[in-house]
Protein backbone atom coordinates (compact mmCIF):
# COMPACT_ATOMS: atom_id res chain seq x y z
CA MET A 1 -22.32 41.43 7.22
CA GLU A 2 -24.35 43.70 4.96
CA ARG A 3 -26.56 46.18 6.72
CA LYS A 4 -29.85 47.24 5.23
CA ILE A 5 -31.26 50.75 5.00
CA ASN A 6 -34.24 51.20 7.35
CA LEU A 7 -37.01 52.66 5.21
CA LEU A 8 -40.22 53.82 6.88
CA PHE A 9 -42.98 53.52 4.28
CA VAL A 10 -46.31 55.19 5.07
CA ASP A 11 -49.32 54.73 2.76
CA ASP A 12 -52.98 54.00 3.48
CA GLU A 13 -53.48 52.00 0.24
CA GLU A 14 -52.88 48.51 1.64
CA GLN A 15 -52.28 46.75 -1.70
CA PHE A 16 -49.81 49.41 -2.88
CA LEU A 17 -48.06 49.27 0.50
CA LYS A 18 -47.69 45.47 0.29
CA SER A 19 -46.48 45.31 -3.32
CA MET A 20 -44.01 48.21 -2.94
CA THR A 21 -42.70 46.76 0.32
CA LYS A 22 -41.90 43.47 -1.46
CA GLN A 23 -40.16 45.28 -4.33
CA LEU A 24 -38.10 47.43 -1.96
CA GLU A 25 -37.12 44.51 0.27
CA VAL A 26 -35.80 42.66 -2.78
CA ARG A 27 -33.52 45.70 -3.28
CA ASP A 28 -32.11 45.24 0.24
CA PHE A 29 -34.16 47.82 2.10
CA ASN A 30 -35.48 46.89 5.53
CA VAL A 31 -39.01 48.24 5.03
CA ILE A 32 -41.13 49.17 8.02
CA ALA A 33 -44.57 49.56 6.41
CA VAL A 34 -47.41 51.36 8.19
CA ASN A 35 -50.76 52.65 6.95
CA ARG A 36 -51.18 55.80 9.07
CA GLY A 37 -49.16 58.86 10.05
CA GLU A 38 -49.71 58.19 13.76
CA LYS A 39 -48.12 54.75 13.39
CA ALA A 40 -45.20 56.28 11.47
CA LEU A 41 -44.42 58.61 14.38
CA GLU A 42 -44.56 55.70 16.87
CA VAL A 43 -42.26 53.56 14.72
CA ALA A 44 -39.74 56.37 14.18
CA ARG A 45 -39.54 56.86 17.95
CA ALA A 46 -38.89 53.14 18.51
CA VAL A 47 -36.70 52.15 15.55
CA PRO A 48 -33.81 54.01 13.90
CA VAL A 49 -35.12 55.11 10.50
CA ASP A 50 -32.77 56.16 7.68
CA VAL A 51 -35.28 57.42 5.11
CA ALA A 52 -39.08 57.79 5.07
CA LEU A 53 -41.41 57.45 2.08
CA VAL A 54 -44.71 59.13 2.94
CA ASP A 55 -48.05 59.33 1.14
CA LEU A 56 -49.79 62.71 1.24
CA LYS A 57 -53.48 61.86 1.55
CA MET A 58 -54.20 59.61 4.54
CA PRO A 59 -56.85 59.45 7.24
CA GLY A 60 -55.82 60.89 10.61
CA ILE A 61 -52.50 62.68 10.42
CA ASN A 62 -51.96 63.44 6.71
CA GLY A 63 -48.62 63.29 4.91
CA GLU A 64 -47.78 66.98 5.41
CA GLU A 65 -48.37 66.75 9.16
CA THR A 66 -46.44 63.46 9.31
CA LEU A 67 -43.55 65.11 7.44
CA LYS A 68 -43.43 68.07 9.85
CA ALA A 69 -43.62 65.86 12.96
CA LEU A 70 -40.93 63.47 11.70
CA LYS A 71 -38.62 66.38 10.79
CA ASP A 72 -39.19 67.99 14.22
CA GLU A 73 -38.32 64.80 16.07
CA HIS A 74 -35.63 63.35 13.77
CA LYS A 75 -33.25 66.04 12.58
CA TRP A 76 -31.29 63.90 10.09
CA LEU A 77 -34.19 61.93 8.64
CA GLU A 78 -34.78 62.57 4.94
CA ILE A 79 -38.37 62.23 3.80
CA VAL A 80 -39.69 61.59 0.31
CA ILE A 81 -43.33 62.40 -0.43
CA LEU A 82 -45.01 60.01 -2.89
CA THR A 83 -48.55 61.02 -3.79
CA GLY A 84 -51.30 60.45 -6.28
CA HIS A 85 -52.97 63.70 -5.19
CA GLY A 86 -50.22 66.22 -5.71
CA SER A 87 -50.43 69.91 -6.47
CA ILE A 88 -47.91 72.68 -6.93
CA ASP A 89 -49.04 74.26 -3.65
CA SER A 90 -48.63 71.06 -1.65
CA ALA A 91 -45.24 70.41 -3.31
CA LYS A 92 -44.06 73.89 -2.25
CA GLU A 93 -45.41 73.43 1.27
CA CYS A 94 -43.79 70.00 1.67
CA THR A 95 -40.47 71.31 0.36
CA ARG A 96 -40.65 74.24 2.80
CA SER A 97 -41.35 71.75 5.59
CA GLY A 98 -38.20 69.79 4.74
CA ALA A 99 -39.22 67.09 2.25
CA TYR A 100 -36.20 65.83 0.33
CA GLU A 101 -38.28 65.14 -2.78
CA TYR A 102 -41.90 65.24 -3.90
CA LEU A 103 -42.90 62.50 -6.36
CA GLN A 104 -46.18 61.85 -8.16
CA LYS A 105 -47.75 58.39 -8.39
CA PRO A 106 -47.31 56.50 -10.56
CA CYS A 107 -43.55 56.89 -10.34
CA HIS A 108 -41.08 54.75 -12.30
CA PHE A 109 -39.57 52.32 -9.77
CA ASP A 110 -35.95 52.97 -10.84
CA ASP A 111 -36.52 56.71 -10.40
CA LEU A 112 -37.89 56.09 -6.92
CA LEU A 113 -34.85 53.94 -6.03
CA GLU A 114 -32.51 56.70 -7.23
CA VAL A 115 -34.34 59.30 -5.12
CA LEU A 116 -34.25 57.05 -2.04
CA LYS A 117 -30.53 56.42 -2.55
CA ASN A 118 -29.83 60.15 -2.88
CA ALA A 119 -32.00 60.97 0.14
CA TYR A 120 -30.04 58.47 2.21
CA LYS A 121 -26.76 59.88 0.89
CA LYS A 122 -27.86 63.37 2.00
CA LYS A 123 -28.82 62.06 5.45
CA VAL A 124 -25.40 60.42 5.87
CA MET A 125 -23.60 63.58 4.69
CA ASN A 126 -25.57 65.87 7.00
CA LYS A 127 -25.41 63.59 10.03
CA ASN A 128 -21.68 63.05 9.66
CA LYS A 129 -20.94 66.57 8.38
CA ILE A 130 -19.31 65.10 5.30
CA GLU A 131 -18.89 67.29 2.24
CA GLU A 132 -20.40 65.99 -0.97
CA LYS A 133 -16.95 65.92 -2.58
CA ARG A 134 -15.62 63.61 0.15
CA ILE A 135 -18.61 61.26 0.14
CA ASN A 136 -18.41 61.03 -3.66
CA GLU A 137 -14.73 60.10 -3.27
CA MET A 138 -15.70 57.42 -0.73
CA LEU A 139 -18.33 56.09 -3.11
CA ARG A 140 -16.19 56.40 -6.24
CA LEU A 141 -14.79 52.91 -5.82
CA ALA A 142 -18.31 51.54 -5.51
CA GLN A 143 -19.67 53.44 -8.52
CA SER A 144 -19.13 50.52 -10.86
CA ASP A 145 -21.02 48.37 -8.37
CA SER A 146 -24.73 47.80 -8.14
CA PRO A 147 -27.06 50.26 -6.40
CA ARG A 148 -27.25 47.68 -3.58
CA LYS A 149 -23.50 47.88 -3.00
CA ILE A 150 -23.61 51.67 -3.07
CA LEU A 151 -26.38 51.65 -0.45
CA ALA A 152 -24.37 49.17 1.62
CA ARG A 153 -21.32 51.47 1.40
CA LEU A 154 -23.46 54.44 2.50
CA LYS A 155 -24.67 52.36 5.46
CA GLU A 156 -21.03 51.63 6.42
CA ILE A 157 -20.24 55.34 6.27
CA ASP A 158 -23.37 56.10 8.34
CA GLN A 159 -22.31 53.55 10.98
CA GLY A 160 -18.80 55.03 11.10
CA ASP A 161 -17.21 51.91 9.58
CA ILE A 162 -15.04 53.90 7.15
């Protein structure tokens, strides 16, 4: 049974949220899509989240505040900021607050997938105290496989099925 990566996706642009959710689900992510930071915090408390993709500019709790709250409550969660309103200052602040990556919209979809995969890999390594050399060895056999199979292998490692 293949397990999917739980991706919390937070963006107040409803159409973007819907279309990106569809694209990510086709790539075997289990996407939990919400349109506000407050909802993201509720979801992360109720459902195990592997990686979060968070917009910066939102009504209510903005992306920076959402990032800080998620990192405070979920030590191993890796968070990617995806924004159309980025600046060098906000990128520095988000990085200081623990963002794994800071991406500008529009972002090439394959680049986003690579960042999400690497963010999940980092989460698995940190949570399981696995050195990068060892996890790369574990993934080496899957390297010729599709990104989906690599994500599935990371999920197995995360679940302790190695």
